[in-house]
Amino acid sequence: MSRRTLFGSALTAAGAASAGIVAGRVSAPERSPDLSVEPFHGPHQAGIETVVQSHALFLACDVARPDRGVLRELLAACTETAVALTAGERVPDTADTDPGFSNHTDFASGLDPARLTVTFGLGPSLFDDRFGLADRRPEHLRQLPEFPGDALNPAWCGGDVLVQICADDAQVVSHAFRSLRARLPGLGRMRWTQHGFLSRPKDGGTPRNMFGHKDGTANPRPGTPEFARTVRVDGSAEPAWFHGGSYLVFRKIRMKTADWDMLPLAEQDRIVGRRRGDGAPLGGTGEFDPVDLDARSADGELIIPADSHIRLVHDIPMFRRGYNYDYGTLVANAGGEPEPVAPHSHPAGTDPNHTHGGHGSLDAGLLFVAYMNNPPAQFIRAQRALAASDRMNAVIQHTGSALFAVPPGVAPGAPIAAGLGLD
């Protein structure tokens, strides 16, 4: 049985079961919606406007062979697996599973889906001459340029296909990755993975990054016209199959937390342009106060410094949906360079001869993920300004980079990016 036949059969069986047509039984009483389930199907992919979950895994892979049929099978196999996973159902066996063997692990048995979402993106390399898709390439889907100061590890860049897996349970995320990985042999090769976490305050406020600052204050609110204008691709110059989709920029940003933690709080705030405690812009009183770039102190100095982070990216809209990461000690293949911790003073009584051995090798930071509809006018414009003069550059390193086109949502019975016309 082909994967396509299996996909259709699984959906038909699921529909029959939901209607109560199973062995002559009457339908069970209607149940309340399962709040642990995020719908997979819809006009837009889940995992973008979805309230951010606590755990994430990003998987980039390359198509195994330059064959459009292999690409078609890869997208169909990943879609049918994602449909089952997000619904909390048993993933289908692969068509070539040997009798007596199974790709099921029971790793997530007994767990609810924990708002699992699986979101797919297509990389620029997918639209080269391997698959005959050059005429369907999204307008802005090109490899991101390398910016001044980047310390990119090629092993953490690019990819034909991106899978973003998010849930409120780390084990559910791991199980989803494992289930999707099981569909790759013969269809795709894993290129890189990244794991992230994020906790929301009890009041539902803005999460914080590894520098302790709130991250995402300026985001457009999902469900608003501003969000659509910022994120959604319209019917302008983009190919028809991509209408309603979005672009995803991924950057792995190592944050030198050992250096940062030794900076005075006032200097941290000047670097960001906001107060760490409440997220208010310097000179303001609340997190969501307008940013006053003209405000000056009594001695005539700009209250928000000319090289502060928020000044350089002010009024460049995008929707940030990133995650923190903490991998411990920097390993040889992690990208970036270990460095001695910055010179610093110590309180009286501290041994002046002690060392900070190993602290400069910590690999923690931000998996920067941003959704937008025009990367050159949004991310690339912002990053060029930041690379040129952001005061924060002294305490960060960009070590991974990728851009993907995120297709619109999936209709029941169809694979992701069905409009590409891979048949």
Protein backbone atom coordinates (compact mmCIF):
# COMPACT_ATOMS: atom_id res chain seq x y z
CA MET A 1 0.00 0.00 0.00
CA SER A 2 1.43 3.40 -0.93
CA ARG A 3 1.80 6.21 1.57
CA ARG A 4 -0.82 8.18 -0.34
CA THR A 5 -3.33 5.32 -0.11
CA LEU A 6 -2.46 4.83 3.54
CA PHE A 7 -2.94 8.55 4.20
CA GLY A 8 -6.36 8.57 2.57
CA SER A 9 -7.44 5.37 4.31
CA ALA A 10 -6.41 6.67 7.71
CA LEU A 11 -8.40 9.86 7.22
CA THR A 12 -11.46 7.93 6.01
CA ALA A 13 -11.32 5.64 9.03
CA ALA A 14 -10.95 8.59 11.36
CA GLY A 15 -13.98 10.26 9.80
CA ALA A 16 -16.08 7.12 10.15
CA ALA A 17 -15.09 6.69 13.76
CA SER A 18 -15.95 10.30 14.57
CA ALA A 19 -19.41 9.74 13.10
CA GLY A 20 -19.97 6.74 15.34
CA ILE A 21 -20.16 4.21 12.49
CA VAL A 22 -18.07 1.56 14.19
CA ALA A 23 -19.36 -2.02 14.44
CA GLY A 24 -22.96 -0.83 14.51
CA ARG A 25 -22.55 1.21 17.70
CA VAL A 26 -24.45 4.45 18.13
CA SER A 27 -22.52 7.67 18.46
CA ALA A 28 -21.18 8.47 21.90
CA PRO A 29 -22.49 11.61 23.60
CA GLU A 30 -20.86 14.75 22.23
CA ARG A 31 -17.72 15.60 24.21
CA SER A 32 -16.31 18.97 25.12
CA PRO A 33 -13.40 20.09 22.95
CA ASP A 34 -10.05 18.74 24.09
CA LEU A 35 -8.11 21.84 25.08
CA SER A 36 -4.85 19.90 24.77
CA VAL A 37 -5.38 19.56 21.00
CA GLU A 38 -4.45 22.30 18.55
CA PRO A 39 -6.20 21.73 15.19
CA PHE A 40 -3.79 20.78 12.43
CA HIS A 41 -6.03 21.69 9.49
CA GLY A 42 -7.10 25.21 8.60
CA PRO A 43 -6.38 28.19 6.33
CA HIS A 44 -3.03 28.79 8.07
CA GLN A 45 -0.60 26.39 9.68
CA ALA A 46 -0.77 26.04 13.44
CA GLY A 47 2.30 27.02 15.43
CA ILE A 48 2.38 30.65 14.32
CA GLU A 49 -0.59 32.44 15.88
CA THR A 50 -0.89 29.62 18.43
CA VAL A 51 -0.20 30.77 21.98
CA VAL A 52 3.48 29.96 22.39
CA GLN A 53 4.17 26.57 23.99
CA SER A 54 6.82 25.76 26.58
CA HIS A 55 9.09 23.52 24.49
CA ALA A 56 10.25 23.45 20.88
CA LEU A 57 12.41 21.42 18.56
CA PHE A 58 13.47 22.58 15.11
CA LEU A 59 14.47 19.96 12.54
CA ALA A 60 15.95 20.84 9.16
CA CYS A 61 16.38 18.11 6.58
CA ASP A 62 17.37 17.73 2.95
CA VAL A 63 15.53 15.65 0.36
CA ALA A 64 17.37 12.36 -0.09
CA ARG A 65 17.48 12.38 -3.89
CA PRO A 66 16.87 14.91 -6.69
CA ASP A 67 13.55 13.30 -7.54
CA ARG A 68 10.21 15.13 -7.39
CA GLY A 69 8.51 11.87 -6.41
CA VAL A 70 10.76 11.58 -3.35
CA LEU A 71 9.91 15.15 -2.34
CA ARG A 72 6.21 14.42 -2.79
CA GLU A 73 6.45 11.30 -0.64
CA LEU A 74 8.45 13.15 2.04
CA LEU A 75 5.84 15.89 2.40
CA ALA A 76 2.95 13.40 2.36
CA ALA A 77 4.59 11.13 4.94
CA CYS A 78 5.40 14.01 7.28
CA THR A 79 1.88 15.42 6.93
CA GLU A 80 0.09 12.18 7.77
CA THR A 81 2.37 11.70 10.77
CA ALA A 82 1.77 15.26 11.98
CA VAL A 83 -2.01 14.86 11.61
CA ALA A 84 -1.97 11.84 13.93
CA LEU A 85 0.49 13.30 16.42
CA THR A 86 -1.32 16.60 16.91
CA ALA A 87 -4.61 14.76 17.46
CA GLY A 88 -3.03 12.49 20.06
CA GLU A 89 -3.59 9.44 17.88
CA ARG A 90 -1.40 6.49 16.98
CA VAL A 91 0.87 7.32 14.07
CA PRO A 92 0.40 5.06 11.05
CA ASP A 93 2.91 2.35 10.27
CA THR A 94 5.10 3.06 7.30
CA ALA A 95 4.08 1.26 4.14
CA ASP A 96 7.29 -0.77 4.12
CA THR A 97 7.26 -1.82 7.79
CA ASP A 98 8.32 -5.46 8.06
CA PRO A 99 5.86 -7.86 9.73
CA GLY A 100 6.53 -8.04 13.45
CA PHE A 101 8.21 -4.64 13.56
CA SER A 102 6.73 -1.22 14.22
CA ASN A 103 7.74 2.42 14.24
CA HIS A 104 5.70 2.90 17.43
CA THR A 105 7.63 3.52 20.63
CA ASP A 106 4.98 4.10 23.36
CA PHE A 107 7.23 6.97 24.47
CA ALA A 108 4.20 9.27 24.72
CA SER A 109 1.61 6.66 25.71
CA GLY A 110 -0.70 8.03 28.38
CA LEU A 111 0.24 11.64 27.62
CA ASP A 112 -2.14 14.14 26.07
CA PRO A 113 -0.93 16.10 23.01
CA ALA A 114 -0.06 19.10 25.21
CA ARG A 115 -1.07 21.58 22.47
CA LEU A 116 1.38 19.99 20.04
CA THR A 117 1.82 21.82 16.76
CA VAL A 118 3.91 20.77 13.77
CA THR A 119 4.71 23.56 11.32
CA PHE A 120 6.50 23.07 8.00
CA GLY A 121 8.72 25.39 5.97
CA LEU A 122 10.46 25.06 2.61
CA GLY A 123 14.00 26.33 2.10
CA PRO A 124 15.50 28.23 -0.87
CA SER A 125 17.49 25.16 -1.91
CA LEU A 126 14.25 23.30 -2.65
CA PHE A 127 13.65 25.63 -5.59
CA ASP A 128 16.94 25.01 -7.37
CA ASP A 129 17.09 22.86 -10.51
CA ARG A 130 16.72 19.51 -8.71
CA PHE A 131 12.92 19.43 -8.71
CA GLY A 132 11.92 21.80 -11.52
CA LEU A 133 10.32 24.26 -9.11
CA ALA A 134 12.26 27.42 -10.00
CA ASP A 135 9.18 29.07 -11.51
CA ARG A 136 7.28 28.55 -8.25
CA ARG A 137 9.89 30.05 -5.93
CA PRO A 138 8.46 32.61 -3.49
CA GLU A 139 9.59 36.12 -4.35
CA HIS A 140 11.83 36.67 -1.30
CA LEU A 141 13.03 33.10 -0.74
CA ARG A 142 16.80 33.45 -1.05
CA GLN A 143 19.61 32.44 1.28
CA LEU A 144 20.07 35.08 3.95
CA PRO A 145 23.24 37.15 3.52
CA GLU A 146 26.04 36.79 6.02
CA PHE A 147 26.15 39.89 8.19
CA PRO A 148 29.22 41.55 9.75
CA GLY A 149 30.08 39.79 12.99
CA ASP A 150 28.37 36.51 12.12
CA ALA A 151 30.16 33.37 13.35
CA LEU A 152 28.02 30.91 11.42
CA ASN A 153 28.51 27.17 11.59
CA PRO A 154 27.54 25.79 8.14
CA ALA A 155 26.16 22.68 9.84
CA TRP A 156 23.52 24.87 11.50
CA CYS A 157 22.41 26.74 8.40
CA GLY A 158 19.95 26.15 5.57
CA GLY A 159 17.93 23.06 4.76
CA ASP A 160 15.39 21.95 2.15
CA VAL A 161 12.58 21.44 4.68
CA LEU A 162 12.08 22.77 8.20
CA VAL A 163 9.84 21.14 10.81
CA GLN A 164 8.98 23.26 13.85
CA ILE A 165 7.64 21.08 16.68
CA CYS A 166 6.15 22.83 19.74
CA ALA A 167 4.22 21.58 22.78
CA ASP A 168 3.80 22.17 26.50
CA ASP A 169 5.45 18.82 27.31
CA ALA A 170 9.10 18.15 26.41
CA GLN A 171 8.45 14.41 26.14
CA VAL A 172 5.62 15.00 23.66
CA VAL A 173 7.98 17.14 21.57
CA SER A 174 10.66 14.43 21.68
CA HIS A 175 8.15 11.75 20.72
CA ALA A 176 6.90 13.82 17.79
CA PHE A 177 10.46 14.32 16.55
CA ARG A 178 11.15 10.61 16.89
CA SER A 179 8.00 9.72 14.96
CA LEU A 180 8.78 12.17 12.16
CA ARG A 181 12.41 11.04 12.03
CA ALA A 182 11.17 7.49 11.48
CA ARG A 183 9.60 8.61 8.19
CA LEU A 184 12.83 10.09 6.81
CA PRO A 185 14.91 7.06 5.72
CA GLY A 186 14.96 6.95 1.95
CA LEU A 187 13.16 10.30 1.74
CA GLY A 188 15.22 12.83 3.68
CA ARG A 189 18.50 13.35 5.51
CA MET A 190 18.63 15.20 8.80
CA ARG A 191 20.69 18.39 8.55
CA TRP A 192 20.40 19.99 12.01
CA THR A 193 18.22 20.14 15.08
CA GLN A 194 17.85 22.76 17.82
CA HIS A 195 15.97 22.49 21.10
CA GLY A 196 14.42 25.38 23.01
CA PHE A 197 12.31 26.21 26.05
CA LEU A 198 10.22 29.16 27.17
CA SER A 199 8.21 29.87 30.30
CA ARG A 200 5.43 32.42 30.48
CA PRO A 201 4.85 34.42 33.68
CA LYS A 202 1.83 33.53 35.78
CA ASP A 203 0.07 36.67 34.59
CA GLY A 204 0.48 35.59 30.95
CA GLY A 205 2.90 38.42 30.26
CA THR A 206 5.84 38.64 27.91
CA PRO A 207 8.43 35.83 28.31
CA ARG A 208 12.06 36.62 29.12
CA ASN A 209 15.24 35.73 27.27
CA MET A 210 18.54 34.52 28.73
CA PHE A 211 19.57 38.12 29.48
CA GLY A 212 16.55 38.44 31.75
CA HIS A 213 14.82 40.97 29.52
CA LYS A 214 11.29 40.62 28.15
CA ASP A 215 11.37 39.41 24.56
CA GLY A 216 8.50 40.09 22.16
CA THR A 217 7.01 43.25 23.67
CA ALA A 218 6.56 44.89 20.25
CA ASN A 219 4.91 41.85 18.63
CA PRO A 220 1.68 42.46 16.71
CA ARG A 221 -1.24 40.76 18.43
CA PRO A 222 -2.40 37.54 16.71
CA GLY A 223 -5.81 37.80 15.12
CA THR A 224 -5.52 41.51 14.37
CA PRO A 225 -5.22 43.30 11.01
CA GLU A 226 -1.74 44.42 12.08
CA PHE A 227 -0.70 40.79 12.51
CA ALA A 228 -1.97 39.90 9.04
CA ARG A 229 -0.19 42.90 7.48
CA THR A 230 3.05 41.91 9.21
CA VAL A 231 3.03 38.14 8.75
CA ARG A 232 0.71 36.92 5.99
CA VAL A 233 1.68 36.80 2.32
CA ASP A 234 -1.05 38.33 0.18
CA GLY A 235 -1.79 37.93 -3.50
CA SER A 236 0.72 40.49 -4.74
CA ALA A 237 3.83 39.21 -6.50
CA GLU A 238 3.94 35.85 -4.75
CA PRO A 239 3.03 32.57 -6.51
CA ALA A 240 -0.56 31.46 -6.00
CA TRP A 241 0.36 28.36 -3.99
CA PHE A 242 2.03 30.59 -1.36
CA HIS A 243 -0.86 33.02 -0.77
CA GLY A 244 -1.75 32.96 2.92
CA GLY A 245 1.68 31.66 3.87
CA SER A 246 4.57 33.41 5.60
CA TYR A 247 8.35 33.55 5.80
CA LEU A 248 10.25 32.21 8.80
CA VAL A 249 13.70 33.52 9.73
CA PHE A 250 15.73 31.28 12.03
CA ARG A 251 18.89 32.46 13.79
CA LYS A 252 20.79 30.67 16.54
CA ILE A 253 22.18 33.46 18.71
CA ARG A 254 24.70 32.58 21.38
CA MET A 255 24.38 34.99 24.31
CA LYS A 256 27.51 35.47 26.44
CA THR A 257 25.70 35.20 29.74
CA ALA A 258 28.87 35.14 31.85
CA ASP A 259 29.89 38.54 30.48
CA TRP A 260 26.36 39.90 30.63
CA ASP A 261 25.86 38.94 34.26
CA MET A 262 28.85 41.08 35.26
CA LEU A 263 27.53 44.24 33.64
CA PRO A 264 25.85 46.81 35.89
CA LEU A 265 22.08 46.73 35.56
CA ALA A 266 22.01 50.30 34.27
CA GLU A 267 24.37 49.32 31.43
CA GLN A 268 22.26 46.26 30.59
CA ASP A 269 19.24 48.54 30.30
CA ARG A 270 21.10 51.00 28.07
CA ILE A 271 22.18 48.17 25.75
CA VAL A 272 18.60 46.99 25.30
CA GLY A 273 16.89 50.38 25.62
CA ARG A 274 14.40 49.01 28.16
CA ARG A 275 14.37 48.40 31.89
CA ARG A 276 15.01 44.78 32.72
CA GLY A 277 12.58 44.70 35.61
CA ASP A 278 9.34 45.78 33.96
CA GLY A 279 10.24 46.01 30.26
CA ALA A 280 9.41 49.70 30.02
CA PRO A 281 11.35 51.73 27.45
CA LEU A 282 13.91 54.00 29.08
CA GLY A 283 12.11 57.16 30.04
CA GLY A 284 8.76 55.37 30.16
CA THR A 285 6.69 53.93 32.97
CA GLY A 286 5.20 50.73 31.51
CA GLU A 287 6.18 47.91 29.15
CA PHE A 288 3.85 48.97 26.37
CA ASP A 289 4.48 52.72 26.55
CA PRO A 290 5.40 54.32 23.22
CA VAL A 291 9.15 54.42 22.65
CA ASP A 292 10.30 58.05 22.75
CA LEU A 293 13.47 58.19 20.67
CA ASP A 294 13.79 61.95 21.06
CA ALA A 295 13.73 62.09 24.86
CA ARG A 296 16.85 63.54 26.46
CA SER A 297 18.14 63.76 30.00
CA ALA A 298 18.74 67.02 31.85
CA ASP A 299 22.31 67.11 30.52
CA GLY A 300 21.13 66.69 26.92
CA GLU A 301 22.04 63.01 26.46
CA LEU A 302 19.66 60.68 24.63
CA ILE A 303 17.77 58.64 27.22
CA ILE A 304 17.63 55.72 24.78
CA PRO A 305 21.24 55.57 23.47
CA ALA A 306 21.90 55.86 19.76
CA ASP A 307 23.33 52.32 19.68
CA SER A 308 20.69 50.66 21.86
CA HIS A 309 18.94 47.60 20.48
CA ILE A 310 15.38 48.92 20.39
CA ARG A 311 16.34 52.21 18.72
CA LEU A 312 17.92 50.37 15.78
CA VAL A 313 14.91 48.11 15.13
CA HIS A 314 12.12 50.49 16.10
CA ASP A 315 9.20 50.48 13.64
CA ILE A 316 10.47 47.41 11.75
CA PRO A 317 7.57 45.00 12.37
CA MET A 318 7.86 41.23 12.57
CA PHE A 319 6.32 38.52 14.75
CA ARG A 320 8.90 36.98 17.05
CA ARG A 321 8.25 33.45 18.33
CA GLY A 322 11.66 32.44 19.61
CA TYR A 323 12.87 30.10 22.35
CA ASN A 324 15.69 30.11 24.85
CA TYR A 325 18.31 27.38 24.72
CA ASP A 326 21.01 26.24 27.15
CA TYR A 327 23.41 23.54 25.94
CA GLY A 328 25.95 23.94 28.72
CA THR A 329 29.62 24.05 27.72
CA LEU A 330 30.43 25.06 24.16
CA VAL A 331 31.62 22.01 22.21
CA ALA A 332 33.97 22.03 19.27
CA ASN A 333 31.25 21.88 16.60
CA ALA A 334 28.88 24.38 18.23
CA GLY A 335 29.94 27.47 16.28
CA GLY A 336 31.25 30.66 17.82
CA GLU A 337 34.49 31.00 19.73
CA PRO A 338 35.12 30.58 23.46
CA GLU A 339 36.60 33.70 24.97
CA PRO A 340 37.91 34.86 28.33
CA VAL A 341 35.30 36.49 30.49
CA ALA A 342 35.45 40.27 30.30
CA PRO A 343 37.66 42.10 32.82
CA HIS A 344 35.76 42.99 35.95
CA SER A 345 36.15 44.13 39.53
CA HIS A 346 35.22 42.22 42.67
CA PRO A 347 33.69 43.14 46.03
CA ALA A 348 36.07 43.63 48.90
CA GLY A 349 37.32 40.39 50.38
CA THR A 350 37.08 38.37 47.15
CA ASP A 351 40.22 36.47 46.16
CA PRO A 352 41.73 38.52 43.30
CA ASN A 353 43.59 35.50 41.95
CA HIS A 354 40.58 33.31 41.24
CA THR A 355 39.72 32.42 37.63
CA HIS A 356 36.54 32.00 35.60
CA GLY A 357 37.85 28.93 33.79
CA GLY A 358 35.26 27.56 31.37
CA HIS A 359 32.67 30.31 31.87
CA GLY A 360 33.53 31.81 28.49
CA SER A 361 32.63 28.52 26.82
CA LEU A 362 28.99 28.43 27.86
CA ASP A 363 26.60 27.89 24.94
CA ALA A 364 23.26 29.42 25.87
CA GLY A 365 21.11 31.96 24.15
CA LEU A 366 18.19 32.50 21.83
CA LEU A 367 16.71 30.46 19.02
CA PHE A 368 15.45 33.53 17.20
CA VAL A 369 12.36 32.67 15.18
CA ALA A 370 10.43 35.43 13.42
CA TYR A 371 7.51 35.29 11.00
CA MET A 372 7.03 37.99 8.36
CA ASN A 373 5.89 38.56 4.78
CA ASN A 374 8.85 40.53 3.40
CA PRO A 375 12.26 39.45 4.74
CA PRO A 376 14.30 42.12 2.89
CA ALA A 377 12.15 44.95 4.26
CA GLN A 378 11.84 43.40 7.69
CA PHE A 379 14.54 41.07 9.02
CA ILE A 380 17.37 41.89 6.61
CA ARG A 381 16.85 45.62 7.07
CA ALA A 382 16.81 45.22 10.84
CA GLN A 383 19.84 42.92 11.00
CA ARG A 384 21.95 45.20 8.81
CA ALA A 385 21.28 48.05 11.22
CA LEU A 386 22.04 45.86 14.23
CA ALA A 387 25.22 44.41 12.73
CA ALA A 388 26.53 47.90 12.05
CA SER A 389 26.15 49.50 15.47
CA ASP A 390 24.16 47.51 18.03
CA ARG A 391 25.80 47.81 21.45
CA MET A 392 24.59 44.27 22.14
CA ASN A 393 27.02 42.81 19.59
CA ALA A 394 29.72 42.66 22.27
CA VAL A 395 27.79 39.98 24.15
CA ILE A 396 26.21 37.86 21.38
CA GLN A 397 27.27 35.69 18.43
CA HIS A 398 25.07 34.54 15.54
CA THR A 399 26.04 30.90 14.91
CA GLY A 400 23.13 29.52 12.83
CA SER A 401 20.97 31.00 10.07
CA ALA A 402 18.17 29.95 7.73
CA LEU A 403 15.14 31.28 5.86
CA PHE A 404 12.06 29.25 4.96
CA ALA A 405 8.77 29.80 3.16
CA VAL A 406 5.95 28.53 5.38
CA PRO A 407 3.09 27.36 3.14
CA PRO A 408 -0.52 28.18 3.99
CA GLY A 409 -2.64 25.75 5.97
CA VAL A 410 -3.51 22.19 5.07
CA ALA A 411 -6.92 20.89 3.98
CA PRO A 412 -8.06 17.48 5.29
CA GLY A 413 -6.75 14.73 3.05
CA ALA A 414 -4.06 16.90 1.45
CA PRO A 415 -0.32 17.12 2.14
CA ILE A 416 1.51 20.27 3.12
CA ALA A 417 2.21 22.60 0.16
CA ALA A 418 -0.37 20.81 -1.97
CA GLY A 419 -0.56 23.86 -4.23
CA LEU A 420 3.00 23.27 -5.45
CA GLY A 421 1.60 20.69 -7.86
CA LEU A 422 4.16 17.93 -7.33
CA ASP A 423 2.03 15.23 -8.99
